[in-house]
């Protein structure tokens, strides 16, 4: 009997620890829901999709990563969710031969097509403050442009807490009434996405 009680306490402690690592913005109810299959793309060609590749493998859902996804890609599979990572990399865009203006145009078209197809959009900022203007070179506003292009038009916002230390995503969430899910650190994104996608 003692063994069962101890086991129950351990399970409860694990659940409480997990709950502490993931939070919803104040005033929000249950965790928002989305469904696979999932298409992952980037607004800014940073490392976000590569990070999500590792995370979504652990979550165990059907997903594809297409860093330069266009509306045409939505026709290749019955996607129910798109995750668009926010935060730009001048190196990544240079390697792809594109500019931030190219990215903003592509993402606007993709988001428009997803809305028309009733595909859930998750705007994900998962690289912390290093993918914000505070960590960028002087005069480089591409990270913030990426956020402006994605976050206000998302159905769900998923962010690492550090990247929201100035309340940028909280303000968007409250202003646009978009559910905001914050994870303490990258490893907590697995639990966050399990709650959202399963």
N, C-alpha and C. Protein backbone atom coordinates (compact mmCIF):
# COMPACT_ATOMS: atom_id res chain seq x y z
N UNK A 1 0.83 -1.21 0.00
CA UNK A 1 0.00 0.00 0.00
C UNK A 1 0.86 1.26 0.00
N UNK A 2 1.94 1.23 0.86
CA UNK A 2 2.85 2.37 0.91
C UNK A 2 3.51 2.59 -0.44
N UNK A 3 3.84 1.46 -1.12
CA UNK A 3 4.50 1.54 -2.43
C UNK A 3 3.58 2.25 -3.44
N UNK A 4 2.29 1.91 -3.43
CA UNK A 4 1.33 2.52 -4.34
C UNK A 4 1.19 4.01 -4.04
N UNK A 5 1.11 4.36 -2.75
CA UNK A 5 0.98 5.77 -2.36
C UNK A 5 2.20 6.57 -2.80
N UNK A 6 3.38 5.99 -2.60
CA UNK A 6 4.62 6.68 -3.00
C UNK A 6 4.65 6.89 -4.50
N UNK A 7 4.21 5.87 -5.22
CA UNK A 7 4.19 5.97 -6.68
C UNK A 7 3.22 7.06 -7.13
N UNK A 8 2.06 7.14 -6.48
CA UNK A 8 1.07 8.17 -6.81
C UNK A 8 1.62 9.56 -6.56
N UNK A 9 2.35 9.72 -5.47
CA UNK A 9 2.94 11.02 -5.15
C UNK A 9 3.96 11.41 -6.20
N UNK A 10 4.78 10.45 -6.64
CA UNK A 10 5.78 10.73 -7.68
C UNK A 10 5.12 11.16 -8.99
N UNK A 11 4.03 10.47 -9.35
CA UNK A 11 3.29 10.83 -10.57
C UNK A 11 2.74 12.24 -10.45
N UNK A 12 2.17 12.56 -9.28
CA UNK A 12 1.61 13.89 -9.05
C UNK A 12 2.70 14.97 -9.11
N UNK A 13 3.85 14.68 -8.49
CA UNK A 13 4.96 15.64 -8.52
C UNK A 13 5.44 15.89 -9.94
N UNK A 14 5.53 14.82 -10.73
CA UNK A 14 5.95 14.96 -12.13
C UNK A 14 4.98 15.82 -12.90
N UNK A 15 3.68 15.62 -12.65
CA UNK A 15 2.66 16.41 -13.34
C UNK A 15 2.75 17.87 -12.94
N UNK A 16 2.98 18.13 -11.65
CA UNK A 16 3.10 19.51 -11.19
C UNK A 16 4.32 20.20 -11.77
N UNK A 17 5.42 19.46 -11.85
CA UNK A 17 6.64 20.02 -12.43
C UNK A 17 6.42 20.35 -13.90
N UNK A 18 5.75 19.44 -14.61
CA UNK A 18 5.48 19.68 -16.03
C UNK A 18 4.57 20.89 -16.20
N UNK A 19 3.58 21.00 -15.33
CA UNK A 19 2.66 22.14 -15.42
C UNK A 19 3.38 23.45 -15.17
N UNK A 20 4.38 23.43 -14.29
CA UNK A 20 5.12 24.65 -14.00
C UNK A 20 6.00 25.08 -15.15
N UNK A 21 6.37 24.15 -16.01
CA UNK A 21 7.27 24.47 -17.12
C UNK A 21 6.51 25.00 -18.33
N UNK A 22 5.18 24.85 -18.32
CA UNK A 22 4.34 25.31 -19.43
C UNK A 22 3.23 26.15 -18.82
N UNK A 23 2.99 27.30 -19.37
CA UNK A 23 1.93 28.14 -18.82
C UNK A 23 1.12 28.79 -19.93
N UNK A 24 -0.16 29.05 -19.60
CA UNK A 24 -1.03 29.82 -20.48
C UNK A 24 -1.07 31.25 -19.98
N UNK A 25 -1.27 32.18 -20.88
CA UNK A 25 -1.39 33.58 -20.47
C UNK A 25 -2.56 33.72 -19.51
N UNK A 26 -2.45 34.69 -18.62
CA UNK A 26 -3.48 34.92 -17.60
C UNK A 26 -4.86 35.08 -18.23
N UNK A 27 -5.83 34.44 -17.60
CA UNK A 27 -7.21 34.59 -18.07
C UNK A 27 -7.61 33.58 -19.13
N UNK A 28 -6.67 32.75 -19.58
CA UNK A 28 -7.00 31.76 -20.60
C UNK A 28 -7.43 30.46 -19.93
N UNK A 29 -8.27 29.71 -20.62
CA UNK A 29 -8.78 28.46 -20.08
C UNK A 29 -7.85 27.29 -20.38
N UNK A 30 -8.42 26.22 -20.92
CA UNK A 30 -7.65 25.02 -21.23
C UNK A 30 -6.67 25.28 -22.36
N UNK A 31 -5.66 24.41 -22.45
CA UNK A 31 -4.65 24.54 -23.51
C UNK A 31 -5.34 24.48 -24.88
N UNK A 32 -4.93 25.35 -25.80
CA UNK A 32 -5.52 25.33 -27.14
C UNK A 32 -5.18 24.03 -27.85
N UNK A 33 -6.01 23.64 -28.81
CA UNK A 33 -5.80 22.38 -29.50
C UNK A 33 -5.61 22.59 -31.00
N UNK A 34 -4.77 21.73 -31.58
CA UNK A 34 -4.57 21.66 -33.02
C UNK A 34 -4.38 20.19 -33.37
N UNK A 35 -4.38 19.89 -34.67
CA UNK A 35 -4.30 18.49 -35.08
C UNK A 35 -3.23 18.28 -36.14
N UNK A 36 -2.61 17.09 -36.14
CA UNK A 36 -1.73 16.72 -37.25
C UNK A 36 -2.57 16.29 -38.45
N UNK A 37 -1.99 16.16 -39.63
CA UNK A 37 -0.58 16.39 -39.93
C UNK A 37 -0.18 17.87 -39.90
N UNK A 38 1.11 18.08 -39.63
CA UNK A 38 1.65 19.41 -39.41
C UNK A 38 2.68 19.75 -40.48
N UNK A 39 2.60 20.97 -40.98
CA UNK A 39 3.63 21.49 -41.88
C UNK A 39 4.41 22.56 -41.12
N UNK A 40 5.73 22.42 -41.09
CA UNK A 40 6.59 23.38 -40.39
C UNK A 40 7.34 24.22 -41.42
N UNK A 41 7.31 25.53 -41.23
CA UNK A 41 8.08 26.42 -42.09
C UNK A 41 8.65 27.55 -41.25
N UNK A 42 9.41 28.43 -41.89
CA UNK A 42 10.08 29.51 -41.17
C UNK A 42 9.77 30.85 -41.82
N UNK A 43 9.64 31.87 -41.00
CA UNK A 43 9.61 33.23 -41.52
C UNK A 43 10.92 33.88 -41.10
N UNK A 44 11.90 33.79 -41.98
CA UNK A 44 13.21 34.34 -41.66
C UNK A 44 14.37 33.38 -41.78
N UNK A 45 14.09 32.10 -42.04
CA UNK A 45 15.12 31.09 -42.29
C UNK A 45 16.13 30.96 -41.15
N UNK A 46 15.62 31.02 -39.91
CA UNK A 46 16.49 30.76 -38.75
C UNK A 46 16.49 29.25 -38.47
N UNK A 47 17.02 28.88 -37.31
CA UNK A 47 17.14 27.46 -36.96
C UNK A 47 15.88 26.87 -36.33
N UNK A 48 14.80 27.66 -36.26
CA UNK A 48 13.57 27.17 -35.64
C UNK A 48 13.06 25.84 -36.18
N UNK A 49 12.94 25.68 -37.51
CA UNK A 49 12.46 24.39 -38.04
C UNK A 49 13.36 23.21 -37.67
N UNK A 50 14.67 23.42 -37.64
CA UNK A 50 15.59 22.34 -37.26
C UNK A 50 15.36 21.94 -35.81
N UNK A 51 15.10 22.92 -34.95
CA UNK A 51 14.80 22.62 -33.55
C UNK A 51 13.48 21.87 -33.44
N UNK A 52 12.47 22.29 -34.22
CA UNK A 52 11.18 21.61 -34.18
C UNK A 52 11.25 20.20 -34.72
N UNK A 53 12.18 19.94 -35.62
CA UNK A 53 12.36 18.58 -36.14
C UNK A 53 12.66 17.62 -34.99
N UNK A 54 13.55 18.03 -34.11
CA UNK A 54 13.91 17.19 -32.96
C UNK A 54 12.72 17.06 -32.01
N UNK A 55 12.05 18.17 -31.76
CA UNK A 55 10.93 18.19 -30.81
C UNK A 55 9.75 17.37 -31.30
N UNK A 56 9.37 17.55 -32.57
CA UNK A 56 8.19 16.84 -33.11
C UNK A 56 8.45 15.35 -33.26
N UNK A 57 9.71 14.96 -33.46
CA UNK A 57 10.02 13.53 -33.47
C UNK A 57 9.68 12.92 -32.11
N UNK A 58 9.99 13.64 -31.05
CA UNK A 58 9.70 13.15 -29.71
C UNK A 58 8.21 13.17 -29.41
N UNK A 59 7.51 14.15 -29.96
CA UNK A 59 6.05 14.22 -29.77
C UNK A 59 5.36 13.05 -30.48
N UNK A 60 5.92 12.65 -31.63
CA UNK A 60 5.40 11.48 -32.34
C UNK A 60 4.17 11.74 -33.17
N UNK A 61 4.13 12.91 -33.84
CA UNK A 61 3.00 13.20 -34.74
C UNK A 61 3.50 13.26 -36.18
N UNK A 62 2.56 13.18 -37.10
CA UNK A 62 2.87 13.25 -38.53
C UNK A 62 3.20 14.71 -38.89
N UNK A 63 4.41 14.95 -39.40
CA UNK A 63 4.80 16.31 -39.75
C UNK A 63 5.79 16.31 -40.91
N UNK A 64 5.86 17.45 -41.57
CA UNK A 64 6.85 17.68 -42.63
C UNK A 64 7.47 19.05 -42.40
N UNK A 65 8.73 19.20 -42.78
CA UNK A 65 9.40 20.49 -42.68
C UNK A 65 9.73 20.99 -44.08
N UNK A 66 9.21 22.18 -44.40
CA UNK A 66 9.47 22.81 -45.69
C UNK A 66 9.82 24.27 -45.40
N UNK A 67 11.11 24.58 -45.26
CA UNK A 67 11.51 25.93 -44.85
C UNK A 67 10.98 27.04 -45.74
N UNK A 68 10.78 26.76 -47.03
CA UNK A 68 10.28 27.79 -47.95
C UNK A 68 8.89 27.43 -48.46
N UNK A 69 8.04 26.95 -47.56
CA UNK A 69 6.69 26.50 -47.95
C UNK A 69 5.88 27.63 -48.59
N UNK A 70 5.10 27.26 -49.59
CA UNK A 70 4.20 28.19 -50.28
C UNK A 70 2.79 27.62 -50.24
N UNK A 71 1.79 28.38 -50.66
CA UNK A 71 0.43 27.84 -50.69
C UNK A 71 0.31 26.54 -51.47
N UNK A 72 1.15 26.36 -52.47
CA UNK A 72 1.11 25.13 -53.26
C UNK A 72 1.40 23.90 -52.40
N UNK A 73 2.27 24.06 -51.40
CA UNK A 73 2.62 22.94 -50.53
C UNK A 73 1.43 22.46 -49.69
N UNK A 74 0.47 23.33 -49.48
CA UNK A 74 -0.71 22.95 -48.70
C UNK A 74 -1.58 21.94 -49.44
N UNK A 75 -1.34 21.80 -50.74
CA UNK A 75 -2.13 20.88 -51.56
C UNK A 75 -1.50 19.50 -51.66
N UNK A 76 -0.29 19.35 -51.12
CA UNK A 76 0.42 18.07 -51.26
C UNK A 76 -0.01 17.04 -50.22
N UNK A 77 -0.70 17.50 -49.18
CA UNK A 77 -1.09 16.63 -48.08
C UNK A 77 -2.23 17.33 -47.32
N UNK A 78 -3.11 16.58 -46.68
CA UNK A 78 -4.22 17.24 -45.97
C UNK A 78 -3.79 17.83 -44.62
N UNK A 79 -2.90 18.82 -44.67
CA UNK A 79 -2.40 19.43 -43.45
C UNK A 79 -3.54 20.07 -42.67
N UNK A 80 -3.49 19.91 -41.34
CA UNK A 80 -4.49 20.54 -40.48
C UNK A 80 -3.86 21.66 -39.65
N UNK A 81 -2.53 21.66 -39.58
CA UNK A 81 -1.83 22.67 -38.78
C UNK A 81 -0.55 23.09 -39.49
N UNK A 82 -0.25 24.38 -39.42
CA UNK A 82 1.05 24.89 -39.87
C UNK A 82 1.72 25.53 -38.67
N UNK A 83 2.98 25.20 -38.46
CA UNK A 83 3.78 25.90 -37.46
C UNK A 83 4.76 26.79 -38.21
N UNK A 84 4.66 28.10 -37.99
CA UNK A 84 5.57 29.05 -38.63
C UNK A 84 6.49 29.60 -37.55
N UNK A 85 7.78 29.30 -37.67
CA UNK A 85 8.72 29.82 -36.68
C UNK A 85 9.07 31.27 -37.03
N UNK A 86 9.17 32.09 -35.99
CA UNK A 86 9.49 33.50 -36.16
C UNK A 86 10.92 33.77 -35.72
N UNK A 87 11.56 34.73 -36.35
CA UNK A 87 12.94 35.06 -36.05
C UNK A 87 13.78 34.80 -37.27
N UNK A 88 14.53 35.81 -37.70
CA UNK A 88 15.24 35.68 -38.97
C UNK A 88 16.74 35.54 -38.80
N UNK A 89 17.33 34.92 -39.79
CA UNK A 89 18.78 34.74 -39.86
C UNK A 89 19.25 35.31 -41.19
N UNK A 90 20.07 36.37 -41.13
CA UNK A 90 20.60 36.94 -42.37
C UNK A 90 21.43 35.90 -43.11
N UNK A 91 22.14 35.07 -42.36
CA UNK A 91 22.95 34.00 -42.97
C UNK A 91 22.04 32.98 -43.67
N UNK A 92 20.95 32.59 -42.98
CA UNK A 92 20.03 31.61 -43.55
C UNK A 92 19.34 32.14 -44.79
N UNK A 93 18.91 33.39 -44.75
CA UNK A 93 18.26 33.98 -45.92
C UNK A 93 19.26 34.15 -47.06
N UNK A 94 20.49 34.52 -46.72
CA UNK A 94 21.53 34.65 -47.75
C UNK A 94 21.80 33.33 -48.44
N UNK A 95 21.86 32.24 -47.65
CA UNK A 95 22.10 30.91 -48.22
C UNK A 95 20.97 30.49 -49.14
N UNK A 96 19.73 30.93 -48.82
CA UNK A 96 18.57 30.59 -49.65
C UNK A 96 18.40 31.56 -50.81
N UNK A 97 19.21 32.62 -50.83
CA UNK A 97 19.13 33.59 -51.93
C UNK A 97 17.89 34.45 -51.88
N UNK A 98 17.43 34.76 -50.66
CA UNK A 98 16.21 35.56 -50.51
C UNK A 98 16.44 36.70 -49.52
N UNK A 99 15.53 37.66 -49.54
CA UNK A 99 15.60 38.79 -48.62
C UNK A 99 14.45 38.71 -47.63
N UNK A 100 14.46 39.57 -46.62
CA UNK A 100 13.35 39.60 -45.68
C UNK A 100 12.05 39.99 -46.39
N UNK A 101 12.14 40.84 -47.39
CA UNK A 101 10.93 41.20 -48.14
C UNK A 101 10.34 39.99 -48.86
N UNK A 102 11.21 39.14 -49.41
CA UNK A 102 10.74 37.89 -50.04
C UNK A 102 10.02 37.02 -49.02
N UNK A 103 10.61 36.91 -47.83
CA UNK A 103 10.04 36.08 -46.77
C UNK A 103 8.68 36.61 -46.32
N UNK A 104 8.59 37.92 -46.13
CA UNK A 104 7.33 38.50 -45.67
C UNK A 104 6.21 38.29 -46.68
N UNK A 105 6.54 38.41 -47.95
CA UNK A 105 5.55 38.19 -49.02
C UNK A 105 5.11 36.72 -49.05
N UNK A 106 6.07 35.81 -48.96
CA UNK A 106 5.76 34.37 -48.99
C UNK A 106 4.89 33.99 -47.81
N UNK A 107 5.24 34.47 -46.63
CA UNK A 107 4.48 34.10 -45.43
C UNK A 107 3.08 34.70 -45.46
N UNK A 108 2.94 35.91 -45.95
CA UNK A 108 1.60 36.52 -46.05
C UNK A 108 0.71 35.69 -46.95
N UNK A 109 1.26 35.21 -48.07
CA UNK A 109 0.49 34.38 -48.99
C UNK A 109 0.15 33.03 -48.37
N UNK A 110 1.11 32.46 -47.64
CA UNK A 110 0.90 31.16 -46.99
C UNK A 110 -0.17 31.26 -45.90
N UNK A 111 -0.08 32.28 -45.08
CA UNK A 111 -1.05 32.47 -44.00
C UNK A 111 -2.45 32.71 -44.58
N UNK A 112 -2.54 33.49 -45.62
CA UNK A 112 -3.82 33.75 -46.27
C UNK A 112 -4.44 32.45 -46.78
N UNK A 113 -3.61 31.63 -47.44
CA UNK A 113 -4.09 30.35 -47.97
C UNK A 113 -4.51 29.41 -46.84
N UNK A 114 -3.75 29.41 -45.75
CA UNK A 114 -4.08 28.54 -44.61
C UNK A 114 -5.40 28.96 -43.98
N UNK A 115 -5.62 30.26 -43.84
CA UNK A 115 -6.89 30.73 -43.28
C UNK A 115 -8.06 30.31 -44.16
N UNK A 116 -7.89 30.45 -45.46
CA UNK A 116 -8.97 30.08 -46.38
C UNK A 116 -9.27 28.58 -46.32
N UNK A 117 -8.21 27.78 -46.08
CA UNK A 117 -8.37 26.32 -46.01
C UNK A 117 -8.73 25.85 -44.60
N UNK A 118 -8.90 26.80 -43.66
CA UNK A 118 -9.22 26.48 -42.27
C UNK A 118 -8.14 25.60 -41.63
N UNK A 119 -6.89 25.90 -41.93
CA UNK A 119 -5.74 25.21 -41.33
C UNK A 119 -5.27 26.04 -40.14
N UNK A 120 -5.10 25.40 -38.99
CA UNK A 120 -4.66 26.10 -37.78
C UNK A 120 -3.22 26.58 -37.95
N UNK A 121 -2.97 27.81 -37.54
CA UNK A 121 -1.62 28.38 -37.62
C UNK A 121 -1.06 28.57 -36.22
N UNK A 122 0.07 27.95 -35.96
CA UNK A 122 0.79 28.15 -34.71
C UNK A 122 2.01 29.02 -35.01
N UNK A 123 2.03 30.20 -34.44
CA UNK A 123 3.21 31.06 -34.56
C UNK A 123 4.16 30.72 -33.43
N UNK A 124 5.35 30.25 -33.77
CA UNK A 124 6.29 29.75 -32.75
C UNK A 124 7.56 30.61 -32.71
N UNK A 125 7.85 31.13 -31.53
CA UNK A 125 9.11 31.85 -31.32
C UNK A 125 9.87 31.07 -30.26
N UNK A 126 10.78 30.21 -30.72
CA UNK A 126 11.37 29.22 -29.81
C UNK A 126 12.88 29.35 -29.65
N UNK A 127 13.44 30.45 -30.14
CA UNK A 127 14.89 30.62 -30.01
C UNK A 127 15.27 31.69 -29.00
N UNK A 128 14.29 32.12 -28.21
CA UNK A 128 14.58 33.06 -27.13
C UNK A 128 14.94 34.46 -27.60
N UNK A 129 15.48 35.25 -26.69
CA UNK A 129 15.75 36.65 -26.96
C UNK A 129 16.85 36.84 -28.01
N UNK A 130 17.65 35.82 -28.26
CA UNK A 130 18.68 35.97 -29.31
C UNK A 130 18.04 36.14 -30.68
N UNK A 131 16.78 35.75 -30.83
CA UNK A 131 16.06 35.96 -32.08
C UNK A 131 15.11 37.15 -31.98
N UNK A 132 15.47 38.12 -31.19
CA UNK A 132 14.71 39.35 -31.05
C UNK A 132 15.64 40.52 -31.36
N UNK A 133 15.08 41.69 -31.56
CA UNK A 133 15.87 42.87 -31.90
C UNK A 133 16.95 43.15 -30.86
N UNK A 134 16.67 42.78 -29.60
CA UNK A 134 17.65 43.04 -28.55
C UNK A 134 18.95 42.28 -28.76
N UNK A 135 18.89 41.19 -29.54
CA UNK A 135 20.09 40.41 -29.78
C UNK A 135 20.64 40.57 -31.19
N UNK A 136 20.03 41.49 -31.96
CA UNK A 136 20.41 41.65 -33.36
C UNK A 136 21.49 42.73 -33.52
N UNK A 137 22.12 42.74 -34.69
CA UNK A 137 23.08 43.78 -35.01
C UNK A 137 22.36 45.12 -35.11
N UNK A 138 23.10 46.20 -34.90
CA UNK A 138 22.51 47.54 -34.97
C UNK A 138 21.82 47.75 -36.32
N UNK A 139 20.59 48.22 -36.28
CA UNK A 139 19.84 48.50 -37.50
C UNK A 139 19.13 47.30 -38.11
N UNK A 140 19.37 46.11 -37.58
CA UNK A 140 18.72 44.90 -38.12
C UNK A 140 17.38 44.69 -37.41
N UNK A 141 16.29 44.91 -38.12
CA UNK A 141 14.95 44.74 -37.54
C UNK A 141 14.23 43.52 -38.10
N UNK A 142 14.97 42.65 -38.78
CA UNK A 142 14.31 41.53 -39.46
C UNK A 142 13.61 40.57 -38.49
N UNK A 143 14.15 40.40 -37.28
CA UNK A 143 13.48 39.52 -36.31
C UNK A 143 12.10 40.07 -35.97
N UNK A 144 12.03 41.36 -35.69
CA UNK A 144 10.76 41.97 -35.32
C UNK A 144 9.79 41.99 -36.51
N UNK A 145 10.31 42.18 -37.71
CA UNK A 145 9.45 42.12 -38.90
C UNK A 145 8.84 40.74 -39.05
N UNK A 146 9.63 39.72 -38.74
CA UNK A 146 9.15 38.34 -38.81
C UNK A 146 8.01 38.12 -37.82
N UNK A 147 8.17 38.65 -36.61
CA UNK A 147 7.13 38.53 -35.59
C UNK A 147 5.86 39.26 -36.05
N UNK A 148 6.03 40.47 -36.57
CA UNK A 148 4.87 41.25 -37.04
C UNK A 148 4.11 40.53 -38.16
N UNK A 149 4.83 39.76 -38.97
CA UNK A 149 4.22 39.08 -40.11
C UNK A 149 3.45 37.83 -39.70
N UNK A 150 3.80 37.26 -38.54
CA UNK A 150 3.23 35.96 -38.16
C UNK A 150 2.33 36.03 -36.94
N UNK A 151 2.85 36.58 -35.86
CA UNK A 151 2.16 36.48 -34.56
C UNK A 151 0.72 37.00 -34.58
N UNK A 152 0.44 38.19 -35.11
CA UNK A 152 -0.94 38.70 -35.05
C UNK A 152 -1.94 37.91 -35.89
N UNK A 153 -1.44 37.05 -36.79
CA UNK A 153 -2.31 36.31 -37.70
C UNK A 153 -2.37 34.82 -37.36
N UNK A 154 -1.81 34.47 -36.20
CA UNK A 154 -1.79 33.07 -35.76
C UNK A 154 -3.04 32.73 -34.97
N UNK A 155 -3.32 31.44 -34.87
CA UNK A 155 -4.42 30.95 -34.05
C UNK A 155 -3.94 30.60 -32.65
N UNK A 156 -2.65 30.24 -32.55
CA UNK A 156 -2.01 29.89 -31.28
C UNK A 156 -0.60 30.48 -31.32
N UNK A 157 -0.14 31.01 -30.20
CA UNK A 157 1.25 31.46 -30.08
C UNK A 157 1.97 30.53 -29.12
N UNK A 158 3.13 30.06 -29.54
CA UNK A 158 3.96 29.17 -28.73
C UNK A 158 5.34 29.81 -28.61
N UNK A 159 5.74 30.17 -27.39
CA UNK A 159 7.00 30.89 -27.24
C UNK A 159 7.81 30.36 -26.06
N UNK A 160 9.12 30.53 -26.18
CA UNK A 160 10.01 30.31 -25.04
C UNK A 160 9.93 31.56 -24.17
N UNK A 161 9.78 31.38 -22.88
CA UNK A 161 9.53 32.49 -21.95
C UNK A 161 10.57 33.61 -22.08
N UNK A 162 11.82 33.22 -22.25
CA UNK A 162 12.90 34.21 -22.37
C UNK A 162 12.66 35.18 -23.52
N UNK A 163 12.09 34.68 -24.62
CA UNK A 163 11.84 35.52 -25.79
C UNK A 163 10.66 36.47 -25.61
N UNK A 164 9.93 36.30 -24.50
CA UNK A 164 8.79 37.15 -24.21
C UNK A 164 9.03 37.98 -22.94
N UNK A 165 10.30 38.16 -22.58
CA UNK A 165 10.61 38.84 -21.32
C UNK A 165 10.16 40.29 -21.31
N UNK A 166 9.96 40.88 -22.48
CA UNK A 166 9.47 42.26 -22.55
C UNK A 166 7.95 42.33 -22.76
N UNK A 167 7.29 41.16 -22.76
CA UNK A 167 5.83 41.12 -22.90
C UNK A 167 5.32 41.33 -24.32
N UNK A 168 6.21 41.24 -25.30
CA UNK A 168 5.82 41.47 -26.71
C UNK A 168 4.71 40.52 -27.14
N UNK A 169 4.89 39.24 -26.86
CA UNK A 169 3.90 38.24 -27.29
C UNK A 169 2.64 38.28 -26.41
N UNK A 170 2.81 38.64 -25.15
CA UNK A 170 1.65 38.80 -24.28
C UNK A 170 0.74 39.90 -24.81
N UNK A 171 1.33 41.01 -25.23
CA UNK A 171 0.55 42.13 -25.77
C UNK A 171 -0.20 41.72 -27.04
N UNK A 172 0.47 40.97 -27.92
CA UNK A 172 -0.18 40.50 -29.14
C UNK A 172 -1.32 39.53 -28.79
N UNK A 173 -1.03 38.62 -27.87
CA UNK A 173 -2.03 37.63 -27.44
C UNK A 173 -3.28 38.31 -26.90
N UNK A 174 -3.08 39.28 -26.02
CA UNK A 174 -4.23 39.96 -25.41
C UNK A 174 -4.95 40.86 -26.41
N UNK A 175 -4.19 41.55 -27.24
CA UNK A 175 -4.79 42.46 -28.20
C UNK A 175 -5.59 41.75 -29.28
N UNK A 176 -5.11 40.58 -29.69
CA UNK A 176 -5.76 39.83 -30.78
C UNK A 176 -6.57 38.64 -30.28
N UNK A 177 -6.57 38.45 -28.94
CA UNK A 177 -7.28 37.31 -28.33
C UNK A 177 -6.79 35.97 -28.91
N UNK A 178 -5.47 35.82 -28.93
CA UNK A 178 -4.84 34.60 -29.42
C UNK A 178 -4.28 33.83 -28.21
N UNK A 179 -4.61 32.55 -28.05
CA UNK A 179 -4.03 31.80 -26.93
C UNK A 179 -2.50 31.81 -26.99
N UNK A 180 -1.88 32.05 -25.84
CA UNK A 180 -0.42 32.10 -25.74
C UNK A 180 0.05 31.00 -24.81
N UNK A 181 0.91 30.12 -25.33
CA UNK A 181 1.51 29.06 -24.54
C UNK A 181 2.99 29.38 -24.38
N UNK A 182 3.45 29.47 -23.13
CA UNK A 182 4.86 29.75 -22.85
C UNK A 182 5.53 28.51 -22.28
N UNK A 183 6.72 28.22 -22.76
CA UNK A 183 7.51 27.13 -22.22
C UNK A 183 8.76 27.72 -21.58
N UNK A 184 9.16 27.16 -20.46
CA UNK A 184 10.34 27.69 -19.76
C UNK A 184 11.60 27.54 -20.59
N UNK A 185 11.79 26.36 -21.19
CA UNK A 185 12.99 26.11 -21.99
C UNK A 185 12.67 25.17 -23.13
N UNK A 186 13.64 24.98 -24.01
CA UNK A 186 13.40 24.19 -25.23
C UNK A 186 12.86 22.79 -24.95
N UNK A 187 13.41 22.12 -23.94
CA UNK A 187 12.97 20.75 -23.68
C UNK A 187 11.49 20.70 -23.26
N UNK A 188 10.97 21.82 -22.74
CA UNK A 188 9.56 21.86 -22.34
C UNK A 188 8.62 21.98 -23.53
N UNK A 189 9.17 22.28 -24.71
CA UNK A 189 8.33 22.38 -25.91
C UNK A 189 7.72 21.02 -26.28
N UNK A 190 8.38 19.94 -25.91
CA UNK A 190 7.83 18.61 -26.19
C UNK A 190 6.49 18.46 -25.47
N UNK A 191 6.48 18.76 -24.18
CA UNK A 191 5.24 18.65 -23.39
C UNK A 191 4.19 19.64 -23.89
N UNK A 192 4.63 20.83 -24.25
CA UNK A 192 3.69 21.86 -24.74
C UNK A 192 3.01 21.40 -26.00
N UNK A 193 3.78 20.86 -26.95
CA UNK A 193 3.21 20.42 -28.23
C UNK A 193 2.42 19.14 -28.07
N UNK A 194 2.77 18.30 -27.12
CA UNK A 194 1.96 17.11 -26.84
C UNK A 194 0.56 17.54 -26.39
N UNK A 195 0.50 18.58 -25.54
CA UNK A 195 -0.80 19.06 -25.07
C UNK A 195 -1.61 19.67 -26.20
N UNK A 196 -0.93 20.36 -27.10
CA UNK A 196 -1.63 21.04 -28.20
C UNK A 196 -2.06 20.07 -29.29
N UNK A 197 -1.17 19.12 -29.64
CA UNK A 197 -1.38 18.28 -30.83
C UNK A 197 -1.95 16.91 -30.53
N UNK A 198 -2.08 16.53 -29.25
CA UNK A 198 -2.59 15.18 -28.96
C UNK A 198 -3.85 15.24 -28.11
